[in-house]
Amino acid sequence: MLRLGYIGYKEPPLRRPISVAQPDKDPFGRPLGSTWQSLIRRQGMVETEFLNGEIVRIATKLGTRAPINETLLSITEEMAANRELPGKYTPAELAKILNLD
């Protein structure tokens, strides 16, 4: 690809394929989301701060809490920092952690 104005421009290297066989859809056939994609790529960060974190901030401004979002934020950020793959918790384990059981 030729990019005008960039002397010595090189195409970025292709991302190496993910070596871990993981599904690309949930059990209902829906595509998995960007948080899942970030975790499977072991990027070290997820966008959860922009999603759940915003809900937590809004709740705080309103003088209340968003405990499920706080916990999900904590879990996903910890998993990303530790470069853990999605699927660490079963749905039953998450329900228990979130006090939904």
PDB file of N, CA and C in Angstrom:
ATOM      1  N   MET A   1       0.857  -1.169   0.000  1.00  0.00           N
ATOM      2  CA  MET A   1       0.000   0.000   0.000  1.00  0.00           C
ATOM      3  C   MET A   1       0.897   1.224   0.000  1.00  0.00           C
ATOM      4  N   LEU A   2       0.623   2.150  -0.847  1.00  0.00           N
ATOM      5  CA  LEU A   2       1.402   3.366  -0.952  1.00  0.00           C
ATOM      6  C   LEU A   2       0.711   4.470  -0.160  1.00  0.00           C
ATOM      7  N   ARG A   3       1.451   5.067   0.714  1.00  0.00           N
ATOM      8  CA  ARG A   3       0.914   6.203   1.480  1.00  0.00           C
ATOM      9  C   ARG A   3       1.749   7.425   1.133  1.00  0.00           C
ATOM     10  N   LEU A   4       1.138   8.381   0.523  1.00  0.00           N
ATOM     11  CA  LEU A   4       1.854   9.589   0.149  1.00  0.00           C
ATOM     12  C   LEU A   4       2.255  10.374   1.386  1.00  0.00           C
ATOM     13  N   GLY A   5       3.442  10.924   1.347  1.00  0.00           N
ATOM     14  CA  GLY A   5       3.891  11.765   2.452  1.00  0.00           C
ATOM     15  C   GLY A   5       4.601  10.999   3.551  1.00  0.00           C
ATOM     16  N   TYR A   6       4.672   9.694   3.447  1.00  0.00           N
ATOM     17  CA  TYR A   6       5.348   8.888   4.454  1.00  0.00           C
ATOM     18  C   TYR A   6       6.534   8.179   3.804  1.00  0.00           C
ATOM     19  N   ILE A   7       7.677   8.808   3.850  1.00  0.00           N
ATOM     20  CA  ILE A   7       8.874   8.219   3.272  1.00  0.00           C
ATOM     21  C   ILE A   7       9.288   7.024   4.120  1.00  0.00           C
ATOM     22  N   GLY A   8       9.513   5.913   3.474  1.00  0.00           N
ATOM     23  CA  GLY A   8       9.941   4.718   4.179  1.00  0.00           C
ATOM     24  C   GLY A   8       8.813   4.011   4.908  1.00  0.00           C
ATOM     25  N   TYR A   9       7.579   4.323   4.556  1.00  0.00           N
ATOM     26  CA  TYR A   9       6.437   3.695   5.219  1.00  0.00           C
ATOM     27  C   TYR A   9       6.441   2.205   4.954  1.00  0.00           C
ATOM     28  N   LYS A  10       6.217   1.433   5.984  1.00  0.00           N
ATOM     29  CA  LYS A  10       6.095  -0.012   5.846  1.00  0.00           C
ATOM     30  C   LYS A  10       4.737  -0.424   6.366  1.00  0.00           C
ATOM     31  N   GLU A  11       4.180  -1.442   5.750  1.00  0.00           N
ATOM     32  CA  GLU A  11       2.925  -1.989   6.257  1.00  0.00           C
ATOM     33  C   GLU A  11       3.162  -2.561   7.644  1.00  0.00           C
ATOM     34  N   PRO A  12       2.223  -2.362   8.562  1.00  0.00           N
ATOM     35  CA  PRO A  12       2.385  -2.975   9.877  1.00  0.00           C
ATOM     36  C   PRO A  12       2.343  -4.492   9.747  1.00  0.00           C
ATOM     37  N   PRO A  13       3.088  -5.197  10.608  1.00  0.00           N
ATOM     38  CA  PRO A  13       3.066  -6.656  10.513  1.00  0.00           C
ATOM     39  C   PRO A  13       1.673  -7.185  10.821  1.00  0.00           C
ATOM     40  N   LEU A  14       1.328  -8.271  10.167  1.00  0.00           N
ATOM     41  CA  LEU A  14       0.042  -8.899  10.440  1.00  0.00           C
ATOM     42  C   LEU A  14       0.048  -9.449  11.849  1.00  0.00           C
ATOM     43  N   ARG A  15      -1.095  -9.371  12.509  1.00  0.00           N
ATOM     44  CA  ARG A  15      -1.204  -9.969  13.839  1.00  0.00           C
ATOM     45  C   ARG A  15      -1.098 -11.471  13.691  1.00  0.00           C
ATOM     46  N   ARG A  16      -0.376 -12.077  14.603  1.00  0.00           N
ATOM     47  CA  ARG A  16      -0.284 -13.529  14.521  1.00  0.00           C
ATOM     48  C   ARG A  16      -1.616 -14.115  14.965  1.00  0.00           C
ATOM     49  N   PRO A  17      -1.978 -15.231  14.405  1.00  0.00           N
ATOM     50  CA  PRO A  17      -3.277 -15.817  14.757  1.00  0.00           C
ATOM     51  C   PRO A  17      -3.324 -16.251  16.217  1.00  0.00           C
ATOM     52  N   ILE A  18      -4.494 -16.207  16.766  1.00  0.00           N
ATOM     53  CA  ILE A  18      -4.692 -16.656  18.138  1.00  0.00           C
ATOM     54  C   ILE A  18      -4.553 -18.173  18.142  1.00  0.00           C
ATOM     55  N   SER A  19      -3.699 -18.677  19.024  1.00  0.00           N
ATOM     56  CA  SER A  19      -3.433 -20.111  19.021  1.00  0.00           C
ATOM     57  C   SER A  19      -4.392 -20.887  19.916  1.00  0.00           C
ATOM     58  N   VAL A  20      -5.201 -20.187  20.677  1.00  0.00           N
ATOM     59  CA  VAL A  20      -6.135 -20.852  21.577  1.00  0.00           C
ATOM     60  C   VAL A  20      -7.472 -20.983  20.865  1.00  0.00           C
ATOM     61  N   ALA A  21      -7.961 -22.195  20.762  1.00  0.00           N
ATOM     62  CA  ALA A  21      -9.254 -22.416  20.105  1.00  0.00           C
ATOM     63  C   ALA A  21     -10.356 -21.938  21.037  1.00  0.00           C
ATOM     64  N   GLN A  22     -11.050 -20.895  20.648  1.00  0.00           N
ATOM     65  CA  GLN A  22     -12.117 -20.322  21.450  1.00  0.00           C
ATOM     66  C   GLN A  22     -13.319 -20.079  20.548  1.00  0.00           C
ATOM     67  N   PRO A  23     -14.503 -20.149  21.093  1.00  0.00           N
ATOM     68  CA  PRO A  23     -15.689 -19.877  20.285  1.00  0.00           C
ATOM     69  C   PRO A  23     -15.756 -18.401  19.913  1.00  0.00           C
ATOM     70  N   ASP A  24     -16.441 -18.097  18.828  1.00  0.00           N
ATOM     71  CA  ASP A  24     -16.633 -16.702  18.461  1.00  0.00           C
ATOM     72  C   ASP A  24     -18.073 -16.254  18.674  1.00  0.00           C
ATOM     73  N   LYS A  25     -18.896 -17.154  19.229  1.00  0.00           N
ATOM     74  CA  LYS A  25     -20.294 -16.824  19.524  1.00  0.00           C
ATOM     75  C   LYS A  25     -20.669 -17.383  20.886  1.00  0.00           C
ATOM     76  N   ASP A  26     -21.643 -16.752  21.499  1.00  0.00           N
ATOM     77  CA  ASP A  26     -22.120 -17.251  22.786  1.00  0.00           C
ATOM     78  C   ASP A  26     -23.058 -18.444  22.540  1.00  0.00           C
ATOM     79  N   PRO A  27     -23.538 -19.074  23.616  1.00  0.00           N
ATOM     80  CA  PRO A  27     -24.400 -20.252  23.434  1.00  0.00           C
ATOM     81  C   PRO A  27     -25.682 -19.982  22.639  1.00  0.00           C
ATOM     82  N   PHE A  28     -26.060 -18.712  22.498  1.00  0.00           N
ATOM     83  CA  PHE A  28     -27.272 -18.356  21.767  1.00  0.00           C
ATOM     84  C   PHE A  28     -26.974 -17.935  20.325  1.00  0.00           C
ATOM     85  N   GLY A  29     -25.705 -18.079  19.906  1.00  0.00           N
ATOM     86  CA  GLY A  29     -25.325 -17.737  18.539  1.00  0.00           C
ATOM     87  C   GLY A  29     -24.989 -16.283  18.316  1.00  0.00           C
ATOM     88  N   ARG A  30     -24.978 -15.487  19.392  1.00  0.00           N
ATOM     89  CA  ARG A  30     -24.648 -14.066  19.255  1.00  0.00           C
ATOM     90  C   ARG A  30     -23.133 -13.891  19.267  1.00  0.00           C
ATOM     91  N   PRO A  31     -22.599 -12.945  18.483  1.00  0.00           N
ATOM     92  CA  PRO A  31     -21.153 -12.721  18.500  1.00  0.00           C
ATOM     93  C   PRO A  31     -20.692 -12.295  19.897  1.00  0.00           C
ATOM     94  N   LEU A  32     -19.515 -12.744  20.271  1.00  0.00           N
ATOM     95  CA  LEU A  32     -18.947 -12.342  21.558  1.00  0.00           C
ATOM     96  C   LEU A  32     -18.451 -10.903  21.463  1.00  0.00           C
ATOM     97  N   GLY A  33     -18.437 -10.203  22.593  1.00  0.00           N
ATOM     98  CA  GLY A  33     -18.146  -8.780  22.598  1.00  0.00           C
ATOM     99  C   GLY A  33     -16.673  -8.410  22.639  1.00  0.00           C
ATOM    100  N   SER A  34     -16.446  -7.110  22.646  1.00  0.00           N
ATOM    101  CA  SER A  34     -15.091  -6.581  22.588  1.00  0.00           C
ATOM    102  C   SER A  34     -14.293  -6.866  23.857  1.00  0.00           C
ATOM    103  N   THR A  35     -14.953  -6.981  25.011  1.00  0.00           N
ATOM    104  CA  THR A  35     -14.222  -7.328  26.231  1.00  0.00           C
ATOM    105  C   THR A  35     -13.672  -8.739  26.095  1.00  0.00           C
ATOM    106  N   TRP A  36     -14.478  -9.652  25.585  1.00  0.00           N
ATOM    107  CA  TRP A  36     -14.019 -11.012  25.339  1.00  0.00           C
ATOM    108  C   TRP A  36     -12.831 -10.993  24.376  1.00  0.00           C
ATOM    109  N   GLN A  37     -12.945 -10.203  23.308  1.00  0.00           N
ATOM    110  CA  GLN A  37     -11.874 -10.123  22.322  1.00  0.00           C
ATOM    111  C   GLN A  37     -10.581  -9.607  22.946  1.00  0.00           C
ATOM    112  N   SER A  38     -10.678  -8.589  23.801  1.00  0.00           N
ATOM    113  CA  SER A  38      -9.483  -8.047  24.461  1.00  0.00           C
ATOM    114  C   SER A  38      -8.849  -9.085  25.374  1.00  0.00           C
ATOM    115  N   LEU A  39      -9.677  -9.832  26.092  1.00  0.00           N
ATOM    116  CA  LEU A  39      -9.138 -10.859  26.981  1.00  0.00           C
ATOM    117  C   LEU A  39      -8.492 -11.990  26.189  1.00  0.00           C
ATOM    118  N   ILE A  40      -9.117 -12.435  25.118  1.00  0.00           N
ATOM    119  CA  ILE A  40      -8.568 -13.544  24.335  1.00  0.00           C
ATOM    120  C   ILE A  40      -7.252 -13.133  23.683  1.00  0.00           C
ATOM    121  N   ARG A  41      -7.107 -11.858  23.371  1.00  0.00           N
ATOM    122  CA  ARG A  41      -5.857 -11.361  22.773  1.00  0.00           C
ATOM    123  C   ARG A  41      -4.785 -11.079  23.825  1.00  0.00           C
ATOM    124  N   ARG A  42      -5.193 -11.169  25.095  1.00  0.00           N
ATOM    125  CA  ARG A  42      -4.268 -10.919  26.220  1.00  0.00           C
ATOM    126  C   ARG A  42      -3.577  -9.571  26.073  1.00  0.00           C
ATOM    127  N   GLN A  43      -4.370  -8.546  25.809  1.00  0.00           N
ATOM    128  CA  GLN A  43      -3.850  -7.205  25.579  1.00  0.00           C
ATOM    129  C   GLN A  43      -3.387  -6.508  26.862  1.00  0.00           C
ATOM    130  N   GLY A  44      -3.838  -6.991  28.000  1.00  0.00           N
ATOM    131  CA  GLY A  44      -3.448  -6.349  29.256  1.00  0.00           C
ATOM    132  C   GLY A  44      -4.393  -5.245  29.682  1.00  0.00           C
ATOM    133  N   MET A  45      -5.387  -4.969  28.858  1.00  0.00           N
ATOM    134  CA  MET A  45      -6.377  -3.957  29.210  1.00  0.00           C
ATOM    135  C   MET A  45      -7.689  -4.280  28.516  1.00  0.00           C
ATOM    136  N   VAL A  46      -8.758  -3.795  29.103  1.00  0.00           N
ATOM    137  CA  VAL A  46     -10.093  -3.967  28.524  1.00  0.00           C
ATOM    138  C   VAL A  46     -10.811  -2.632  28.586  1.00  0.00           C
ATOM    139  N   GLU A  47     -11.871  -2.509  27.836  1.00  0.00           N
ATOM    140  CA  GLU A  47     -12.608  -1.238  27.819  1.00  0.00           C
ATOM    141  C   GLU A  47     -13.660  -1.150  28.915  1.00  0.00           C
ATOM    142  N   THR A  48     -13.638  -2.097  29.825  1.00  0.00           N
ATOM    143  CA  THR A  48     -14.644  -2.145  30.885  1.00  0.00           C
ATOM    144  C   THR A  48     -14.696  -0.857  31.688  1.00  0.00           C
ATOM    145  N   GLU A  49     -13.563  -0.200  31.831  1.00  0.00           N
ATOM    146  CA  GLU A  49     -13.535   1.073  32.563  1.00  0.00           C
ATOM    147  C   GLU A  49     -14.461   2.089  31.903  1.00  0.00           C
ATOM    148  N   PHE A  50     -14.537   2.066  30.595  1.00  0.00           N
ATOM    149  CA  PHE A  50     -15.385   3.017  29.872  1.00  0.00           C
ATOM    150  C   PHE A  50     -16.854   2.618  29.916  1.00  0.00           C
ATOM    151  N   LEU A  51     -17.122   1.356  30.166  1.00  0.00           N
ATOM    152  CA  LEU A  51     -18.499   0.876  30.196  1.00  0.00           C
ATOM    153  C   LEU A  51     -19.006   0.788  31.635  1.00  0.00           C
ATOM    154  N   ASN A  52     -18.550  -0.235  32.357  1.00  0.00           N
ATOM    155  CA  ASN A  52     -18.996  -0.401  33.739  1.00  0.00           C
ATOM    156  C   ASN A  52     -18.501   0.747  34.613  1.00  0.00           C
ATOM    157  N   GLY A  53     -17.305   1.239  34.334  1.00  0.00           N
ATOM    158  CA  GLY A  53     -16.765   2.346  35.120  1.00  0.00           C
ATOM    159  C   GLY A  53     -17.633   3.589  35.042  1.00  0.00           C
ATOM    160  N   GLU A  54     -18.177   3.857  33.878  1.00  0.00           N
ATOM    161  CA  GLU A  54     -19.055   5.019  33.714  1.00  0.00           C
ATOM    162  C   GLU A  54     -20.331   4.851  34.525  1.00  0.00           C
ATOM    163  N   ILE A  55     -20.867   3.651  34.553  1.00  0.00           N
ATOM    164  CA  ILE A  55     -22.072   3.389  35.352  1.00  0.00           C
ATOM    165  C   ILE A  55     -21.768   3.589  36.831  1.00  0.00           C
ATOM    166  N   VAL A  56     -20.608   3.116  37.261  1.00  0.00           N
ATOM    167  CA  VAL A  56     -20.197   3.298  38.661  1.00  0.00           C
ATOM    168  C   VAL A  56     -20.077   4.792  38.982  1.00  0.00           C
ATOM    169  N   ARG A  57     -19.472   5.565  38.082  1.00  0.00           N
ATOM    170  CA  ARG A  57     -19.321   7.017  38.310  1.00  0.00           C
ATOM    171  C   ARG A  57     -20.680   7.724  38.371  1.00  0.00           C
ATOM    172  N   ILE A  58     -21.590   7.351  37.488  1.00  0.00           N
ATOM    173  CA  ILE A  58     -22.923   7.962  37.490  1.00  0.00           C
ATOM    174  C   ILE A  58     -23.642   7.623  38.792  1.00  0.00           C
ATOM    175  N   ALA A  59     -23.564   6.383  39.220  1.00  0.00           N
ATOM    176  CA  ALA A  59     -24.206   5.985  40.478  1.00  0.00           C
ATOM    177  C   ALA A  59     -23.629   6.786  41.643  1.00  0.00           C
ATOM    178  N   THR A  60     -22.324   6.954  41.664  1.00  0.00           N
ATOM    179  CA  THR A  60     -21.681   7.723  42.738  1.00  0.00           C
ATOM    180  C   THR A  60     -22.182   9.165  42.739  1.00  0.00           C
ATOM    181  N   LYS A  61     -22.288   9.783  41.561  1.00  0.00           N
ATOM    182  CA  LYS A  61     -22.798  11.162  41.465  1.00  0.00           C
ATOM    183  C   LYS A  61     -24.223  11.265  41.984  1.00  0.00           C
ATOM    184  N   LEU A  62     -24.984  10.183  41.824  1.00  0.00           N
ATOM    185  CA  LEU A  62     -26.369  10.177  42.283  1.00  0.00           C
ATOM    186  C   LEU A  62     -26.503   9.760  43.745  1.00  0.00           C
ATOM    187  N   GLY A  63     -25.358   9.534  44.390  1.00  0.00           N
ATOM    188  CA  GLY A  63     -25.373   9.190  45.805  1.00  0.00           C
ATOM    189  C   GLY A  63     -25.735   7.747  46.087  1.00  0.00           C
ATOM    190  N   THR A  64     -25.508   6.882  45.123  1.00  0.00           N
ATOM    191  CA  THR A  64     -25.817   5.456  45.306  1.00  0.00           C
ATOM    192  C   THR A  64     -24.645   4.635  44.800  1.00  0.00           C
ATOM    193  N   ARG A  65     -24.819   3.328  44.733  1.00  0.00           N
ATOM    194  CA  ARG A  65     -23.766   2.444  44.248  1.00  0.00           C
ATOM    195  C   ARG A  65     -24.307   1.572  43.119  1.00  0.00           C
ATOM    196  N   ALA A  66     -23.383   1.016  42.370  1.00  0.00           N
ATOM    197  CA  ALA A  66     -23.702   0.056  41.319  1.00  0.00           C
ATOM    198  C   ALA A  66     -22.817  -1.168  41.573  1.00  0.00           C
ATOM    199  N   PRO A  67     -23.185  -1.969  42.594  1.00  0.00           N
ATOM    200  CA  PRO A  67     -22.289  -3.045  43.036  1.00  0.00           C
ATOM    201  C   PRO A  67     -21.982  -4.101  41.975  1.00  0.00           C
ATOM    202  N   ILE A  68     -22.920  -4.415  41.128  1.00  0.00           N
ATOM    203  CA  ILE A  68     -22.643  -5.413  40.085  1.00  0.00           C
ATOM    204  C   ILE A  68     -21.608  -4.853  39.113  1.00  0.00           C
ATOM    205  N   ASN A  69     -21.791  -3.612  38.705  1.00  0.00           N
ATOM    206  CA  ASN A  69     -20.832  -2.991  37.793  1.00  0.00           C
ATOM    207  C   ASN A  69     -19.474  -2.809  38.462  1.00  0.00           C
ATOM    208  N   GLU A  70     -19.453  -2.468  39.739  1.00  0.00           N
ATOM    209  CA  GLU A  70     -18.177  -2.352  40.460  1.00  0.00           C
ATOM    210  C   GLU A  70     -17.431  -3.677  40.444  1.00  0.00           C
ATOM    211  N   THR A  71     -18.145  -4.760  40.704  1.00  0.00           N
ATOM    212  CA  THR A  71     -17.520  -6.077  40.758  1.00  0.00           C
ATOM    213  C   THR A  71     -17.068  -6.529  39.375  1.00  0.00           C
ATOM    214  N   LEU A  72     -17.901  -6.336  38.366  1.00  0.00           N
ATOM    215  CA  LEU A  72     -17.506  -6.709  37.007  1.00  0.00           C
ATOM    216  C   LEU A  72     -16.293  -5.918  36.544  1.00  0.00           C
ATOM    217  N   LEU A  73     -16.249  -4.644  36.893  1.00  0.00           N
ATOM    218  CA  LEU A  73     -15.096  -3.806  36.569  1.00  0.00           C
ATOM    219  C   LEU A  73     -13.835  -4.369  37.205  1.00  0.00           C
ATOM    220  N   SER A  74     -13.921  -4.697  38.463  1.00  0.00           N
ATOM    221  CA  SER A  74     -12.778  -5.243  39.192  1.00  0.00           C
ATOM    222  C   SER A  74     -12.314  -6.578  38.594  1.00  0.00           C
ATOM    223  N   ILE A  75     -13.260  -7.458  38.329  1.00  0.00           N
ATOM    224  CA  ILE A  75     -12.922  -8.779  37.781  1.00  0.00           C
ATOM    225  C   ILE A  75     -12.235  -8.652  36.425  1.00  0.00           C
ATOM    226  N   THR A  76     -12.817  -7.894  35.525  1.00  0.00           N
ATOM    227  CA  THR A  76     -12.264  -7.815  34.172  1.00  0.00           C
ATOM    228  C   THR A  76     -10.924  -7.095  34.139  1.00  0.00           C
ATOM    229  N   GLU A  77     -10.771  -6.059  34.944  1.00  0.00           N
ATOM    230  CA  GLU A  77      -9.478  -5.368  34.975  1.00  0.00           C
ATOM    231  C   GLU A  77      -8.391  -6.269  35.551  1.00  0.00           C
ATOM    232  N   GLU A  78      -8.739  -7.042  36.569  1.00  0.00           N
ATOM    233  CA  GLU A  78      -7.770  -7.977  37.152  1.00  0.00           C
ATOM    234  C   GLU A  78      -7.404  -9.065  36.143  1.00  0.00           C
ATOM    235  N   MET A  79      -8.402  -9.604  35.456  1.00  0.00           N
ATOM    236  CA  MET A  79      -8.129 -10.634  34.454  1.00  0.00           C
ATOM    237  C   MET A  79      -7.246 -10.087  33.339  1.00  0.00           C
ATOM    238  N   ALA A  80      -7.528  -8.875  32.889  1.00  0.00           N
ATOM    239  CA  ALA A  80      -6.726  -8.274  31.821  1.00  0.00           C
ATOM    240  C   ALA A  80      -5.288  -8.045  32.288  1.00  0.00           C
ATOM    241  N   ALA A  81      -5.131  -7.491  33.478  1.00  0.00           N
ATOM    242  CA  ALA A  81      -3.791  -7.212  33.998  1.00  0.00           C
ATOM    243  C   ALA A  81      -2.972  -8.496  34.133  1.00  0.00           C
ATOM    244  N   ASN A  82      -3.643  -9.581  34.487  1.00  0.00           N
ATOM    245  CA  ASN A  82      -2.961 -10.872  34.643  1.00  0.00           C
ATOM    246  C   ASN A  82      -2.925 -11.673  33.342  1.00  0.00           C
ATOM    247  N   ARG A  83      -3.455 -11.066  32.265  1.00  0.00           N
ATOM    248  CA  ARG A  83      -3.495 -11.696  30.954  1.00  0.00           C
ATOM    249  C   ARG A  83      -4.187 -13.073  30.990  1.00  0.00           C
ATOM    250  N   GLU A  84      -5.302 -13.103  31.722  1.00  0.00           N
ATOM    251  CA  GLU A  84      -6.083 -14.331  31.838  1.00  0.00           C
ATOM    252  C   GLU A  84      -7.094 -14.408  30.701  1.00  0.00           C
ATOM    253  N   LEU A  85      -7.370 -15.616  30.282  1.00  0.00           N
ATOM    254  CA  LEU A  85      -8.315 -15.826  29.188  1.00  0.00           C
ATOM    255  C   LEU A  85      -9.756 -15.773  29.675  1.00  0.00           C
ATOM    256  N   PRO A  86     -10.687 -15.428  28.783  1.00  0.00           N
ATOM    257  CA  PRO A  86     -12.095 -15.478  29.163  1.00  0.00           C
ATOM    258  C   PRO A  86     -12.480 -16.907  29.505  1.00  0.00           C
ATOM    259  N   GLY A  87     -13.491 -17.055  30.323  1.00  0.00           N
ATOM    260  CA  GLY A  87     -13.922 -18.382  30.738  1.00  0.00           C
ATOM    261  C   GLY A  87     -13.363 -18.782  32.085  1.00  0.00           C
ATOM    262  N   LYS A  88     -12.694 -17.850  32.752  1.00  0.00           N
ATOM    263  CA  LYS A  88     -12.128 -18.149  34.069  1.00  0.00           C
ATOM    264  C   LYS A  88     -13.226 -18.550  35.047  1.00  0.00           C
ATOM    265  N   TYR A  89     -14.372 -17.895  34.924  1.00  0.00           N
ATOM    266  CA  TYR A  89     -15.496 -18.164  35.824  1.00  0.00           C
ATOM    267  C   TYR A  89     -16.647 -18.773  35.040  1.00  0.00           C
ATOM    268  N   THR A  90     -17.302 -19.732  35.632  1.00  0.00           N
ATOM    269  CA  THR A  90     -18.528 -20.267  35.034  1.00  0.00           C
ATOM    270  C   THR A  90     -19.654 -19.275  35.312  1.00  0.00           C
ATOM    271  N   PRO A  91     -20.758 -19.366  34.591  1.00  0.00           N
ATOM    272  CA  PRO A  91     -21.897 -18.492  34.904  1.00  0.00           C
ATOM    273  C   PRO A  91     -22.344 -18.643  36.365  1.00  0.00           C
ATOM    274  N   ALA A  92     -22.322 -19.858  36.886  1.00  0.00           N
ATOM    275  CA  ALA A  92     -22.730 -20.079  38.284  1.00  0.00           C
ATOM    276  C   ALA A  92     -21.766 -19.387  39.249  1.00  0.00           C
ATOM    277  N   GLU A  93     -20.469 -19.447  38.951  1.00  0.00           N
ATOM    278  CA  GLU A  93     -19.484 -18.777  39.807  1.00  0.00           C
ATOM    279  C   GLU A  93     -19.665 -17.265  39.772  1.00  0.00           C
ATOM    280  N   LEU A  94     -19.906 -16.724  38.589  1.00  0.00           N
ATOM    281  CA  LEU A  94     -20.144 -15.277  38.483  1.00  0.00           C
ATOM    282  C   LEU A  94     -21.404 -14.870  39.231  1.00  0.00           C
ATOM    283  N   ALA A  95     -22.448 -15.660  39.109  1.00  0.00           N
ATOM    284  CA  ALA A  95     -23.690 -15.355  39.826  1.00  0.00           C
ATOM    285  C   ALA A  95     -23.437 -15.317  41.317  1.00  0.00           C
ATOM    286  N   LYS A  96     -22.636 -16.234  41.825  1.00  0.00           N
ATOM    287  CA  LYS A  96     -22.321 -16.259  43.250  1.00  0.00           C
ATOM    288  C   LYS A  96     -21.480 -15.040  43.652  1.00  0.00           C
ATOM    289  N   ILE A  97     -20.461 -14.728  42.861  1.00  0.00           N
ATOM    290  CA  ILE A  97     -19.612 -13.552  43.131  1.00  0.00           C
ATOM    291  C   ILE A  97     -20.445 -12.278  43.142  1.00  0.00           C
ATOM    292  N   LEU A  98     -21.409 -12.191  42.231  1.00  0.00           N
ATOM    293  CA  LEU A  98     -22.245 -11.002  42.090  1.00  0.00           C
ATOM    294  C   LEU A  98     -23.466 -11.016  43.015  1.00  0.00           C
ATOM    295  N   ASN A  99     -23.539 -12.047  43.865  1.00  0.00           N
ATOM    296  CA  ASN A  99     -24.672 -12.201  44.780  1.00  0.00           C
ATOM    297  C   ASN A  99     -26.006 -12.284  44.057  1.00  0.00           C
ATOM    298  N   LEU A 100     -26.008 -12.992  42.927  1.00  0.00           N
ATOM    299  CA  LEU A 100     -27.224 -13.157  42.145  1.00  0.00           C
ATOM    300  C   LEU A 100     -27.821 -14.550  42.284  1.00  0.00           C
ATOM    301  N   ASP A 101     -27.161 -15.391  43.076  1.00  0.00           N
ATOM    302  CA  ASP A 101     -27.660 -16.764  43.206  1.00  0.00           C
ATOM    303  C   ASP A 101     -28.736 -16.885  44.247  1.00  0.00           C
TER     304      ASP A 101
END
